[in-house]
C-alpha atoms as a PDB file:
ATOM      1  CA  ASN A   1       0.000   0.000   0.000  1.00  0.00           C
ATOM      2  CA  ARG A   2       1.197   3.491  -0.861  1.00  0.00           C
ATOM      3  CA  ILE A   3       1.160   6.112   1.883  1.00  0.00           C
ATOM      4  CA  VAL A   4      -0.526   9.319   0.722  1.00  0.00           C
ATOM      5  CA  PRO A   5       0.683  12.451   2.558  1.00  0.00           C
ATOM      6  CA  ALA A   6      -2.041  14.558   4.138  1.00  0.00           C
ATOM      7  CA  THR A   7      -2.716  17.904   2.512  1.00  0.00           C
ATOM      8  CA  THR A   8      -2.125  21.179   4.347  1.00  0.00           C
ATOM      9  CA  GLU A   9      -5.875  21.741   4.497  1.00  0.00           C
ATOM     10  CA  GLU A  10      -6.398  18.324   6.082  1.00  0.00           C
ATOM     11  CA  LEU A  11      -3.733  19.020   8.730  1.00  0.00           C
ATOM     12  CA  VAL A  12      -5.191  22.441   9.532  1.00  0.00           C
ATOM     13  CA  SER A  13      -8.614  20.854   9.993  1.00  0.00           C
ATOM     14  CA  LYS A  14      -7.302  17.890  12.009  1.00  0.00           C
ATOM     15  CA  PHE A  15      -5.544  20.068  14.567  1.00  0.00           C
ATOM     16  CA  GLY A  16      -8.350  22.617  14.751  1.00  0.00           C
ATOM     17  CA  LEU A  17      -6.223  25.526  13.487  1.00  0.00           C
ATOM     18  CA  ALA A  18      -7.320  28.620  11.592  1.00  0.00           C
ATOM     19  CA  ASP A  19      -5.058  28.451   8.549  1.00  0.00           C
ATOM     20  CA  GLU A  20      -1.700  27.330   7.123  1.00  0.00           C
ATOM     21  CA  ALA A  21       0.180  30.155   8.857  1.00  0.00           C
ATOM     22  CA  GLN A  22      -1.069  28.998  12.242  1.00  0.00           C
ATOM     23  CA  LEU A  23      -0.125  25.414  11.369  1.00  0.00           C
ATOM     24  CA  ARG A  24       3.431  26.466  10.485  1.00  0.00           C
ATOM     25  CA  GLU A  25       3.752  28.476  13.684  1.00  0.00           C
ATOM     26  CA  SER A  26       2.433  25.525  15.710  1.00  0.00           C
ATOM     27  CA  VAL A  27       4.977  23.162  14.134  1.00  0.00           C
ATOM     28  CA  LYS A  28       7.797  25.662  14.716  1.00  0.00           C
ATOM     29  CA  MET A  29       6.904  26.092  18.390  1.00  0.00           C
ATOM     30  CA  ARG A  30       6.653  22.331  18.867  1.00  0.00           C
ATOM     31  CA  LEU A  31      10.092  21.742  17.327  1.00  0.00           C
ATOM     32  CA  GLU A  32      11.644  24.495  19.437  1.00  0.00           C
ATOM     33  CA  HIS A  33      10.028  23.072  22.570  1.00  0.00           C
ATOM     34  CA  ARG A  34      11.306  19.581  21.748  1.00  0.00           C
ATOM     35  CA  ALA A  35      14.818  20.981  21.242  1.00  0.00           C
ATOM     36  CA  ARG A  36      14.682  22.598  24.687  1.00  0.00           C
ATOM     37  CA  ILE A  37      13.537  19.319  26.220  1.00  0.00           C
ATOM     38  CA  GLU A  38      16.429  17.435  24.580  1.00  0.00           C
ATOM     39  CA  GLN A  39      18.908  19.996  25.901  1.00  0.00           C
ATOM     40  CA  GLN A  40      17.476  19.730  29.412  1.00  0.00           C
ATOM     41  CA  MET A  41      17.491  15.926  29.292  1.00  0.00           C
ATOM     42  CA  ALA A  42      21.110  15.874  28.098  1.00  0.00           C
ATOM     43  CA  MET A  43      22.215  18.010  31.046  1.00  0.00           C
ATOM     44  CA  ARG A  44      20.174  15.912  33.475  1.00  0.00           C
ATOM     45  CA  ALA A  45      21.774  12.778  32.007  1.00  0.00           C
ATOM     46  CA  GLN A  46      25.246  14.120  32.754  1.00  0.00           C
ATOM     47  CA  ILE A  47      24.344  14.838  36.379  1.00  0.00           C
ATOM     48  CA  SER A  48      22.683  11.417  36.713  1.00  0.00           C
ATOM     49  CA  SER A  49      25.775   9.721  35.305  1.00  0.00           C
ATOM     50  CA  HIS A  50      27.963  11.591  37.780  1.00  0.00           C
ATOM     51  CA  PHE A  51      25.822  10.342  40.648  1.00  0.00           C
ATOM     52  CA  THR A  52      25.885   6.696  39.597  1.00  0.00           C
ATOM     53  CA  ASP A  53      29.646   6.832  38.981  1.00  0.00           C
ATOM     54  CA  SER A  54      30.723   8.651  42.130  1.00  0.00           C
ATOM     55  CA  ILE A  55      28.264   7.835  44.913  1.00  0.00           C
ATOM     56  CA  LYS A  56      28.764   4.587  46.781  1.00  0.00           C
ATOM     57  CA  MET A  57      25.737   3.001  48.396  1.00  0.00           C
ATOM     58  CA  GLU A  58      24.462  -0.396  49.443  1.00  0.00           C
ATOM     59  CA  LEU A  59      21.688  -1.805  47.277  1.00  0.00           C
ATOM     60  CA  PRO A  60      19.441  -4.840  47.725  1.00  0.00           C
ATOM     61  CA  GLU A  61      21.268  -7.971  46.636  1.00  0.00           C
ATOM     62  CA  LYS A  62      18.403  -9.017  44.403  1.00  0.00           C
ATOM     63  CA  LEU A  63      16.387  -6.742  42.158  1.00  0.00           C
ATOM     64  CA  THR A  64      12.735  -7.644  42.537  1.00  0.00           C
ATOM     65  CA  GLU A  65      10.439  -7.833  39.533  1.00  0.00           C
ATOM     66  CA  ARG A  66       8.484  -4.883  40.871  1.00  0.00           C
ATOM     67  CA  GLN A  67      11.593  -2.704  41.098  1.00  0.00           C
ATOM     68  CA  ALA A  68      12.706  -3.711  37.621  1.00  0.00           C
ATOM     69  CA  ALA A  69       9.239  -2.959  36.245  1.00  0.00           C
ATOM     70  CA  ARG A  70       9.275   0.504  37.839  1.00  0.00           C
ATOM     71  CA  ASN A  71      12.579   1.240  36.137  1.00  0.00           C
ATOM     72  CA  LEU A  72      11.127   0.263  32.764  1.00  0.00           C
ATOM     73  CA  GLU A  73       8.010   2.394  33.241  1.00  0.00           C
ATOM     74  CA  ARG A  74      10.160   5.327  34.379  1.00  0.00           C
ATOM     75  CA  THR A  75      12.133   5.089  31.148  1.00  0.00           C
ATOM     76  CA  ARG A  76       8.951   4.637  29.085  1.00  0.00           C
ATOM     77  CA  LEU A  77       7.465   7.857  30.478  1.00  0.00           C
ATOM     78  CA  ASN A  78      10.670   9.824  29.894  1.00  0.00           C
ATOM     79  CA  LEU A  79      10.827   8.665  26.272  1.00  0.00           C
ATOM     80  CA  LEU A  80       7.208   9.674  25.696  1.00  0.00           C
ATOM     81  CA  TYR A  81       7.962  13.075  27.257  1.00  0.00           C
ATOM     82  CA  ARG A  82      10.825  13.511  24.803  1.00  0.00           C
ATOM     83  CA  GLY A  83       8.534  12.848  21.863  1.00  0.00           C
ATOM     84  CA  PHE A  84       9.592   9.332  20.823  1.00  0.00           C
ATOM     85  CA  ASP A  85       6.878   7.462  18.949  1.00  0.00           C
ATOM     86  CA  ALA A  86       5.336   4.264  20.322  1.00  0.00           C
ATOM     87  CA  ARG A  87       7.514   1.952  18.192  1.00  0.00           C
ATOM     88  CA  GLN A  88      10.762   3.629  19.303  1.00  0.00           C
ATOM     89  CA  VAL A  89       9.657   3.483  22.932  1.00  0.00           C
ATOM     90  CA  GLU A  90       8.925  -0.228  22.786  1.00  0.00           C
ATOM     91  CA  GLU A  91      12.259  -0.916  21.058  1.00  0.00           C
ATOM     92  CA  LYS A  92      14.067   0.887  23.880  1.00  0.00           C
ATOM     93  CA  ILE A  93      12.098  -0.974  26.557  1.00  0.00           C
ATOM     94  CA  THR A  94      12.861  -4.308  24.865  1.00  0.00           C
ATOM     95  CA  GLU A  95      16.541  -3.353  24.781  1.00  0.00           C
ATOM     96  CA  MET A  96      16.483  -2.522  28.488  1.00  0.00           C
ATOM     97  CA  ARG A  97      14.816  -5.826  29.396  1.00  0.00           C
ATOM     98  CA  SER A  98      17.737  -7.675  27.846  1.00  0.00           C
ATOM     99  CA  SER A  99      20.408  -5.326  29.190  1.00  0.00           C
ATOM    100  CA  SER A 100      23.052  -6.368  31.664  1.00  0.00           C
ATOM    101  CA  ALA A 101      22.478  -6.684  35.399  1.00  0.00           C
ATOM    102  CA  GLN A 102      25.001  -3.883  35.850  1.00  0.00           C
ATOM    103  CA  ALA A 103      22.799  -1.479  33.884  1.00  0.00           C
ATOM    104  CA  ALA A 104      19.787  -2.465  36.001  1.00  0.00           C
ATOM    105  CA  VAL A 105      21.745  -1.776  39.178  1.00  0.00           C
ATOM    106  CA  ARG A 106      22.742   1.677  37.910  1.00  0.00           C
ATOM    107  CA  GLU A 107      19.114   2.533  37.192  1.00  0.00           C
ATOM    108  CA  LEU A 108      17.990   1.424  40.637  1.00  0.00           C
ATOM    109  CA  LYS A 109      20.855   3.293  42.258  1.00  0.00           C
ATOM    110  CA  LEU A 110      19.848   6.481  40.456  1.00  0.00           C
ATOM    111  CA  PHE A 111      16.256   6.051  41.650  1.00  0.00           C
ATOM    112  CA  PHE A 112      17.377   5.929  45.294  1.00  0.00           C
ATOM    113  CA  VAL A 113      19.869   8.796  44.899  1.00  0.00           C
ATOM    114  CA  LEU A 114      17.294  11.132  43.358  1.00  0.00           C
ATOM    115  CA  ALA A 115      14.678  10.220  45.966  1.00  0.00           C
ATOM    116  CA  GLU A 116      17.141  11.101  48.743  1.00  0.00           C
ATOM    117  CA  ALA A 117      18.207  14.326  47.000  1.00  0.00           C
ATOM    118  CA  ALA A 118      14.565  15.367  46.524  1.00  0.00           C
ATOM    119  CA  ASP A 119      13.912  14.865  50.239  1.00  0.00           C
ATOM    120  CA  ARG A 120      16.951  16.919  51.226  1.00  0.00           C
ATOM    121  CA  LEU A 121      16.092  19.710  48.785  1.00  0.00           C
ATOM    122  CA  LYS A 122      12.445  19.594  49.898  1.00  0.00           C
ATOM    123  CA  ILE A 123      11.246  19.280  46.301  1.00  0.00           C
ATOM    124  CA  GLN A 124       7.459  19.501  46.040  1.00  0.00           C
ATOM    125  CA  VAL A 125       5.258  18.688  43.041  1.00  0.00           C
ATOM    126  CA  THR A 126       2.052  20.629  42.417  1.00  0.00           C
ATOM    127  CA  GLU A 127      -1.102  19.409  40.714  1.00  0.00           C
ATOM    128  CA  ASP A 128      -0.612  22.042  37.992  1.00  0.00           C
ATOM    129  CA  GLU A 129       2.866  20.648  37.247  1.00  0.00           C
ATOM    130  CA  VAL A 130       1.492  17.124  36.932  1.00  0.00           C
ATOM    131  CA  ASN A 131      -1.350  18.320  34.689  1.00  0.00           C
ATOM    132  CA  GLY A 132       1.148  20.242  32.554  1.00  0.00           C
ATOM    133  CA  ARG A 133       3.359  17.183  32.155  1.00  0.00           C
ATOM    134  CA  ILE A 134       0.394  14.997  31.203  1.00  0.00           C
ATOM    135  CA  ALA A 135      -0.686  17.613  28.640  1.00  0.00           C
ATOM    136  CA  GLN A 136       2.829  17.699  27.156  1.00  0.00           C
ATOM    137  CA  ILE A 137       3.075  13.914  26.824  1.00  0.00           C
ATOM    138  CA  ALA A 138      -0.470  13.749  25.432  1.00  0.00           C
ATOM    139  CA  MET A 139       0.428  16.321  22.779  1.00  0.00           C
ATOM    140  CA  GLU A 140       3.465  14.297  21.711  1.00  0.00           C
ATOM    141  CA  ARG A 141       1.261  11.204  21.375  1.00  0.00           C
ATOM    142  CA  GLY A 142      -1.571  12.989  19.588  1.00  0.00           C
ATOM    143  CA  MET A 143      -3.979  12.319  22.449  1.00  0.00           C
ATOM    144  CA  ARG A 144      -6.283  14.410  24.618  1.00  0.00           C
ATOM    145  CA  PRO A 145      -4.862  14.984  28.141  1.00  0.00           C
ATOM    146  CA  GLU A 146      -7.872  13.390  29.819  1.00  0.00           C
ATOM    147  CA  GLN A 147      -7.494  10.335  27.578  1.00  0.00           C
ATOM    148  CA  LEU A 148      -3.872   9.900  28.615  1.00  0.00           C
ATOM    149  CA  ARG A 149      -4.729  10.488  32.273  1.00  0.00           C
ATOM    150  CA  ASN A 150      -7.351   7.727  32.177  1.00  0.00           C
ATOM    151  CA  GLU A 151      -4.872   5.394  30.456  1.00  0.00           C
ATOM    152  CA  LEU A 152      -2.250   6.027  33.142  1.00  0.00           C
ATOM    153  CA  ILE A 153      -4.762   5.464  35.928  1.00  0.00           C
ATOM    154  CA  GLN A 154      -5.997   2.213  34.361  1.00  0.00           C
ATOM    155  CA  ARG A 155      -2.400   0.958  34.147  1.00  0.00           C
ATOM    156  CA  GLY A 156      -1.682   2.040  37.727  1.00  0.00           C
ATOM    157  CA  GLN A 157       0.966   4.509  36.550  1.00  0.00           C
ATOM    158  CA  GLY A 158      -0.443   7.802  37.773  1.00  0.00           C
ATOM    159  CA  GLY A 159       2.282   8.045  40.378  1.00  0.00           C
ATOM    160  CA  MET A 160       4.968   7.684  37.714  1.00  0.00           C
ATOM    161  CA  VAL A 161       4.171  11.151  36.369  1.00  0.00           C
ATOM    162  CA  VAL A 162       4.598  12.637  39.831  1.00  0.00           C
ATOM    163  CA  GLN A 163       7.902  10.785  40.199  1.00  0.00           C
ATOM    164  CA  GLN A 164       9.126  12.001  36.816  1.00  0.00           C
ATOM    165  CA  VAL A 165       8.326  15.646  37.570  1.00  0.00           C
ATOM    166  CA  ARG A 166       9.945  15.350  41.015  1.00  0.00           C
ATOM    167  CA  GLU A 167      13.125  13.798  39.595  1.00  0.00           C
ATOM    168  CA  HIS A 168      13.391  16.427  36.873  1.00  0.00           C
ATOM    169  CA  LYS A 169      12.855  19.255  39.380  1.00  0.00           C
ATOM    170  CA  THR A 170      15.508  17.701  41.625  1.00  0.00           C
ATOM    171  CA  LEU A 171      18.052  17.478  38.815  1.00  0.00           C
ATOM    172  CA  ASP A 172      17.241  21.031  37.689  1.00  0.00           C
ATOM    173  CA  ALA A 173      17.727  22.324  41.245  1.00  0.00           C
ATOM    174  CA  ILE A 174      21.144  20.651  41.350  1.00  0.00           C
ATOM    175  CA  LEU A 175      22.025  21.980  37.886  1.00  0.00           C
ATOM    176  CA  ALA A 176      21.123  25.508  39.011  1.00  0.00           C
ATOM    177  CA  LYS A 177      23.955  25.280  41.543  1.00  0.00           C
ATOM    178  CA  ALA A 178      26.411  23.578  39.207  1.00  0.00           C
ATOM    179  CA  LYS A 179      29.052  25.126  36.987  1.00  0.00           C
ATOM    180  CA  VAL A 180      28.006  24.598  33.367  1.00  0.00           C
ATOM    181  CA  THR A 181      30.771  24.287  30.773  1.00  0.00           C
ATOM    182  CA  ASP A 182      30.155  24.390  27.033  1.00  0.00           C
ATOM    183  CA  MET A 183      31.311  21.333  25.111  1.00  0.00           C
ATOM    184  CA  PRO A 184      31.718  20.782  21.330  1.00  0.00           C
ATOM    185  CA  VAL A 185      28.811  18.805  19.853  1.00  0.00           C
ATOM    186  CA  ASP A 186      31.044  15.990  18.537  1.00  0.00           C
ATOM    187  CA  LYS A 187      32.719  15.529  21.907  1.00  0.00           C
ATOM    188  CA  PHE A 188      29.358  15.533  23.673  1.00  0.00           C
ATOM    189  CA  ASN A 189      27.929  12.927  21.287  1.00  0.00           C
ATOM    190  CA  GLU A 190      31.003  10.765  21.791  1.00  0.00           C
ATOM    191  CA  MET A 191      30.566  10.915  25.558  1.00  0.00           C
ATOM    192  CA  MET A 192      26.843  10.119  25.352  1.00  0.00           C
ATOM    193  CA  ASN A 193      27.463   7.141  23.067  1.00  0.00           C
ATOM    194  CA  LYS A 194      30.017   5.812  25.518  1.00  0.00           C
ATOM    195  CA  LYS A 195      27.511   6.097  28.363  1.00  0.00           C
ATOM    196  CA  LYS A 196      24.916   4.208  26.311  1.00  0.00           C
ATOM    197  CA  GLU A 197      27.412   1.393  25.785  1.00  0.00           C
ATOM    198  CA  GLU A 198      27.974   1.284  29.555  1.00  0.00           C
ATOM    199  CA  GLY A 199      24.238   0.923  30.110  1.00  0.00           C
ATOM    200  CA  VAL A 200      23.534   4.400  31.424  1.00  0.00           C
ATOM    201  CA  SER A 201      19.967   5.529  30.806  1.00  0.00           C
ATOM    202  CA  LEU A 202      19.837   8.828  28.956  1.00  0.00           C
ATOM    203  CA  ALA A 203      16.091   9.099  29.267  1.00  0.00           C
END
């Protein structure tokens, strides 16, 4: 079957916009917003990697299925927030399920470190922040916010959104106190690829 691209008029109608100019502006704003998210996530990933590399802590000897599942859902939500489509998300989750035990330990370690940091920094999450995050993820998935909210509740994942917002606010609070140094794009990409090979989650 041949895929027929939608016309501009069809897209304007589908998204409830006034005209082509408004459609172009909407697309531009969405791309700019996604670029900001990627930049924020990259900086958070560097801080997260620093924590898992430098902080020593005792972890449970065995990772329970529930803990492993929480890690996967945490990553799933972050990928959706970044605008990955459903197929890309599932590929990443499948990859994580077959990843090394060392990678799983790093993810669990990061979960505990951020929870402790959030407590110490007294990070609070408001209902408006949760609603805003749900709206953002819903937009990336082409869904209505209430539809996504109901889906999360049915899957018992409502608390994951709160956790995601709290972790991001915690990392941003730490970044606000950190010294930020510019790095060439090629060097940054090289570093990120190395972290991926080591099993560090960049979501």
